[in-house]
C-alpha atoms as a PDB file:
ATOM      1  CA  MET A   1       8.795  -1.042 -19.930  1.00  0.00           C
ATOM      2  CA  THR A   2       8.613  -3.687 -17.180  1.00  0.00           C
ATOM      3  CA  GLU A   3       7.130  -7.057 -18.120  1.00  0.00           C
ATOM      4  CA  PHE A   4       4.572  -8.230 -15.597  1.00  0.00           C
ATOM      5  CA  SER A   5       3.671 -11.500 -17.229  1.00  0.00           C
ATOM      6  CA  ASN A   6       5.473 -13.756 -14.721  1.00  0.00           C
ATOM      7  CA  LEU A   7       4.484 -12.020 -11.499  1.00  0.00           C
ATOM      8  CA  GLU A   8       3.388 -14.295  -8.673  1.00  0.00           C
ATOM      9  CA  SER A   9       0.661 -11.976  -7.440  1.00  0.00           C
ATOM     10  CA  SER A  10      -1.661  -9.503  -9.068  1.00  0.00           C
ATOM     11  CA  ASN A  11      -1.923  -7.622  -5.753  1.00  0.00           C
ATOM     12  CA  ILE A  12      -0.004  -4.394  -6.168  1.00  0.00           C
ATOM     13  CA  TRP A  13       0.545  -4.105  -2.433  1.00  0.00           C
ATOM     14  CA  ASP A  14       2.745  -7.203  -2.468  1.00  0.00           C
ATOM     15  CA  TYR A  15       5.320  -5.195  -4.460  1.00  0.00           C
ATOM     16  CA  LYS A  16       5.206  -1.939  -2.504  1.00  0.00           C
ATOM     17  CA  PRO A  17       7.471  -1.138   0.477  1.00  0.00           C
ATOM     18  CA  LYS A  18       6.089  -0.937   3.999  1.00  0.00           C
ATOM     19  CA  TRP A  19       5.790   2.829   3.888  1.00  0.00           C
ATOM     20  CA  CYS A  20       3.635   2.665   0.735  1.00  0.00           C
ATOM     21  CA  GLN A  21       0.824   0.405   1.952  1.00  0.00           C
ATOM     22  CA  PRO A  22      -2.861   1.186   2.297  1.00  0.00           C
ATOM     23  CA  TRP A  23      -2.580   1.908   6.028  1.00  0.00           C
ATOM     24  CA  SER A  24       0.140   4.482   5.446  1.00  0.00           C
ATOM     25  CA  ILE A  25      -1.773   6.184   2.683  1.00  0.00           C
ATOM     26  CA  LEU A  26      -4.866   6.423   4.899  1.00  0.00           C
ATOM     27  CA  LEU A  27      -2.824   7.540   7.891  1.00  0.00           C
ATOM     28  CA  THR A  28      -1.046  10.243   5.903  1.00  0.00           C
ATOM     29  CA  GLY A  29      -4.318  11.572   4.508  1.00  0.00           C
ATOM     30  CA  ILE A  30      -5.903  11.720   7.972  1.00  0.00           C
ATOM     31  CA  ILE A  31      -2.917  13.464   9.436  1.00  0.00           C
ATOM     32  CA  LEU A  32      -2.891  16.052   6.619  1.00  0.00           C
ATOM     33  CA  SER A  33      -6.625  16.759   6.938  1.00  0.00           C
ATOM     34  CA  VAL A  34      -6.634  16.984  10.693  1.00  0.00           C
ATOM     35  CA  GLY A  35      -3.317  18.873  10.694  1.00  0.00           C
ATOM     36  CA  SER A  36      -4.749  21.432   8.268  1.00  0.00           C
ATOM     37  CA  TRP A  37      -7.593  22.147  10.670  1.00  0.00           C
ATOM     38  CA  PHE A  38      -5.429  22.237  13.814  1.00  0.00           C
ATOM     39  CA  ILE A  39      -2.845  24.530  12.214  1.00  0.00           C
ATOM     40  CA  LEU A  40      -5.062  26.910  10.165  1.00  0.00           C
ATOM     41  CA  HIS A  41      -8.582  26.680  11.656  1.00  0.00           C
ATOM     42  CA  ILE A  42      -9.942  27.695   8.212  1.00  0.00           C
ATOM     43  CA  LEU A  43     -12.809  25.432   7.116  1.00  0.00           C
ATOM     44  CA  TRP A  44     -12.586  26.075   3.383  1.00  0.00           C
ATOM     45  CA  ILE A  45      -8.884  25.280   3.234  1.00  0.00           C
ATOM     46  CA  THR A  46      -9.383  22.090   5.278  1.00  0.00           C
ATOM     47  CA  SER A  47     -12.291  21.160   3.050  1.00  0.00           C
ATOM     48  CA  ILE A  48     -10.161  21.556  -0.112  1.00  0.00           C
ATOM     49  CA  VAL A  49      -7.287  19.578   1.412  1.00  0.00           C
ATOM     50  CA  SER A  50      -9.778  16.847   2.483  1.00  0.00           C
ATOM     51  CA  ILE A  51     -11.340  16.642  -1.002  1.00  0.00           C
ATOM     52  CA  LEU A  52      -7.931  16.383  -2.631  1.00  0.00           C
ATOM     53  CA  ILE A  53      -6.949  13.641  -0.212  1.00  0.00           C
ATOM     54  CA  ILE A  54     -10.184  11.746  -0.915  1.00  0.00           C
ATOM     55  CA  ILE A  55      -9.416  11.928  -4.604  1.00  0.00           C
ATOM     56  CA  TRP A  56      -5.887  10.655  -3.880  1.00  0.00           C
ATOM     57  CA  TRP A  57      -7.359   7.793  -1.832  1.00  0.00           C
ATOM     58  CA  VAL A  58      -9.837   6.798  -4.537  1.00  0.00           C
ATOM     59  CA  TYR A  59      -7.061   6.639  -7.102  1.00  0.00           C
ATOM     60  CA  PHE A  60      -4.329   4.924  -5.113  1.00  0.00           C
ATOM     61  CA  LEU A  61      -6.539   2.659  -2.946  1.00  0.00           C
ATOM     62  CA  LEU A  62      -9.262   1.674  -5.390  1.00  0.00           C
ATOM     63  CA  LEU A  63      -8.505   2.456  -9.061  1.00  0.00           C
ATOM     64  CA  TYR A  64      -4.753   1.863  -9.262  1.00  0.00           C
ATOM     65  CA  PRO A  65      -4.798  -1.587  -7.632  1.00  0.00           C
ATOM     66  CA  ARG A  66      -7.776  -2.637  -9.820  1.00  0.00           C
ATOM     67  CA  MET A  67      -5.991  -1.439 -13.002  1.00  0.00           C
ATOM     68  CA  PHE A  68      -2.777  -3.245 -11.964  1.00  0.00           C
ATOM     69  CA  LYS A  69      -4.681  -6.474 -11.313  1.00  0.00           C
ATOM     70  CA  GLU A  70      -6.474  -6.255 -14.671  1.00  0.00           C
ATOM     71  CA  TYR A  71      -3.182  -5.545 -16.472  1.00  0.00           C
ATOM     72  CA  VAL A  72      -1.337  -8.424 -14.835  1.00  0.00           C
ATOM     73  CA  ASP A  73      -4.247 -10.814 -15.470  1.00  0.00           C
ATOM     74  CA  SER A  74      -4.375  -9.770 -19.122  1.00  0.00           C
ATOM     75  CA  GLN A  75      -0.599 -10.415 -19.429  1.00  0.00           C
ATOM     76  CA  ASN A  76      -0.953 -13.859 -17.880  1.00  0.00           C
ATOM     77  CA  ASN A  77      -3.655 -14.935 -20.350  1.00  0.00           C
END
């Protein structure tokens, strides 16, 4: 397991590559949702895709960074 006790930042985005930043996660989700509608024109499929993407966003944009920050802060204390 990686030791995070001597990290300079508790911001997870400082350690992620350019293609794995909040803007790219948001852009990918929007493209998938809109693309689902433009390709299929089926509302229920687009709705399911959009709900799954929102769940993905909540986890990776809100919960995961918060958990990482709490973990790093606890290791630094």
